[in-house]
Protein backbone atom coordinates (compact mmCIF):
# COMPACT_ATOMS: atom_id res chain seq x y z
CA UNK A 1 0.00 0.00 0.00
CA UNK A 2 2.85 2.40 0.79
CA UNK A 3 4.38 1.86 -2.66
CA UNK A 4 1.17 2.97 -4.37
CA UNK A 5 0.88 6.00 -2.10
CA UNK A 6 4.51 6.96 -2.79
CA UNK A 7 3.95 6.58 -6.53
CA UNK A 8 0.87 8.84 -6.34
CA UNK A 9 2.84 11.46 -4.38
CA UNK A 10 5.69 11.33 -6.92
CA UNK A 11 3.25 11.71 -9.79
CA UNK A 12 1.56 14.71 -8.12
CA UNK A 13 4.95 16.31 -7.50
CA UNK A 14 5.91 15.73 -11.14
CA UNK A 15 2.64 17.31 -12.32
CA UNK A 16 3.31 20.40 -10.18
CA UNK A 17 6.87 20.71 -11.53
CA UNK A 18 5.64 20.37 -15.12
CA UNK A 19 2.89 22.97 -14.62
CA UNK A 20 5.34 25.39 -12.97
CA UNK A 21 7.85 25.06 -15.82
CA UNK A 22 5.16 25.32 -18.50
CA UNK A 23 3.94 28.56 -16.95
CA UNK A 24 7.54 29.79 -16.54
CA UNK A 25 8.36 29.23 -20.23
CA UNK A 26 5.09 30.90 -21.23
CA UNK A 27 6.09 33.96 -19.16
CA UNK A 28 9.56 34.01 -20.75
CA UNK A 29 8.06 34.21 -24.23
CA UNK A 30 4.77 36.10 -23.73
CA UNK A 31 5.33 37.96 -20.41
CA UNK A 32 2.16 36.35 -19.06
CA UNK A 33 1.22 33.06 -17.47
CA UNK A 34 -1.52 30.69 -18.51
CA UNK A 35 -5.14 31.09 -17.40
CA UNK A 36 -5.75 27.40 -16.77
CA UNK A 37 -3.59 24.27 -16.93
CA UNK A 38 -4.23 20.55 -16.56
CA UNK A 39 -1.44 17.95 -16.60
CA UNK A 40 -1.96 14.23 -17.16
CA UNK A 41 0.91 11.79 -16.70
CA UNK A 42 1.22 8.21 -17.97
CA UNK A 43 4.25 5.94 -18.16
CA UNK A 44 5.24 6.94 -21.68
CA UNK A 45 3.66 10.35 -22.26
CA UNK A 46 2.55 13.55 -20.58
CA UNK A 47 -0.40 15.60 -21.80
CA UNK A 48 -0.85 19.25 -20.93
CA UNK A 49 -4.04 21.14 -21.67
CA UNK A 50 -3.86 24.91 -21.32
CA UNK A 51 -6.00 27.97 -21.73
CA UNK A 52 -4.00 31.04 -22.77
CA UNK A 53 -4.62 34.74 -23.10
CA UNK A 54 -3.86 35.86 -26.65
CA UNK A 55 -1.07 38.39 -26.97
CA UNK A 56 -2.66 41.76 -27.92
CA UNK A 57 -0.02 42.46 -30.58
CA UNK A 58 -0.79 39.13 -32.27
CA UNK A 59 -4.53 39.91 -32.13
CA UNK A 60 -3.89 43.14 -34.03
CA UNK A 61 -1.53 41.45 -36.48
CA UNK A 62 -4.11 38.73 -37.11
CA UNK A 63 -6.61 41.34 -38.35
CA UNK A 64 -4.01 42.81 -40.71
CA UNK A 65 -2.34 39.65 -42.02
CA UNK A 66 -3.66 36.24 -40.94
CA UNK A 67 -0.97 34.29 -42.79
CA UNK A 68 1.82 36.26 -41.15
CA UNK A 69 0.23 35.68 -37.75
CA UNK A 70 0.04 31.92 -38.37
CA UNK A 71 3.74 31.96 -39.25
CA UNK A 72 4.57 33.98 -36.11
CA UNK A 73 2.50 31.59 -33.98
CA UNK A 74 4.38 28.65 -35.47
CA UNK A 75 7.77 30.21 -34.69
CA UNK A 76 6.71 31.04 -31.12
CA UNK A 77 5.42 27.50 -30.58
CA UNK A 78 8.71 26.05 -31.86
CA UNK A 79 10.68 28.25 -29.46
CA UNK A 80 8.36 27.25 -26.60
CA UNK A 81 8.91 23.55 -27.36
CA UNK A 82 12.70 23.93 -27.42
CA UNK A 83 12.82 25.76 -24.10
CA UNK A 84 10.27 23.47 -22.47
CA UNK A 85 12.06 20.29 -23.60
CA UNK A 86 15.39 21.62 -22.35
CA UNK A 87 13.92 22.39 -18.92
CA UNK A 88 12.11 19.05 -18.71
CA UNK A 89 15.40 17.27 -19.35
CA UNK A 90 17.71 19.45 -17.24
CA UNK A 91 15.49 20.46 -14.31
CA UNK A 92 13.02 17.57 -14.00
CA UNK A 93 15.37 14.91 -15.39
CA UNK A 94 12.94 13.43 -17.91
CA UNK A 95 14.25 11.52 -20.89
CA UNK A 96 12.25 13.30 -23.61
CA UNK A 97 11.89 11.86 -27.10
CA UNK A 98 9.65 14.57 -28.55
CA UNK A 99 7.49 17.58 -27.64
CA UNK A 100 4.42 18.27 -29.76
CA UNK A 101 2.22 21.35 -29.35
CA UNK A 102 -0.84 22.82 -31.03
CA UNK A 103 -2.58 26.10 -30.30
CA UNK A 104 -6.00 27.43 -31.34
CA UNK A 105 -5.82 31.26 -31.34
CA UNK A 106 -9.59 31.64 -31.62
CA UNK A 107 -10.16 29.96 -28.22
CA UNK A 108 -6.74 30.28 -26.57
CA UNK A 109 -6.67 26.50 -26.11
CA UNK A 110 -3.40 24.61 -26.36
CA UNK A 111 -2.40 20.99 -26.06
CA UNK A 112 1.16 19.84 -25.53
CA UNK A 113 2.29 16.21 -25.60
CA UNK A 114 5.61 15.04 -24.23
CA UNK A 115 6.63 11.63 -25.56
CA UNK A 116 9.19 9.99 -23.32
CA UNK A 117 12.03 7.77 -24.53
CA UNK A 118 11.54 4.14 -23.67
CA UNK A 119 14.05 2.82 -21.21
CA UNK A 120 15.50 -0.47 -22.44
């Protein structure tokens, strides 16, 4: 029984660390944290669901040039993934295979998936 309790505590601690770092990276790039965040952890992947506030400059740019805004969003997401992966590996100690992220600017919803390397 203690082993299961310890595992649950470790998982909860990991979720808190992931949420903190996700919010930290978001602040580094956008100078604002996320509105809402949910982290789900399994043995081989981690899913993060977030609700974000759209950057006002990108809202204005979107009205002027939607294609340019999509390109800017893509570049910002790529930078987010690089920073987030680095911190997951160096701070949390995860063995990350890949980080995938999608963002819907119309709702502010984002989903990030961390795929972990299999230990053999």
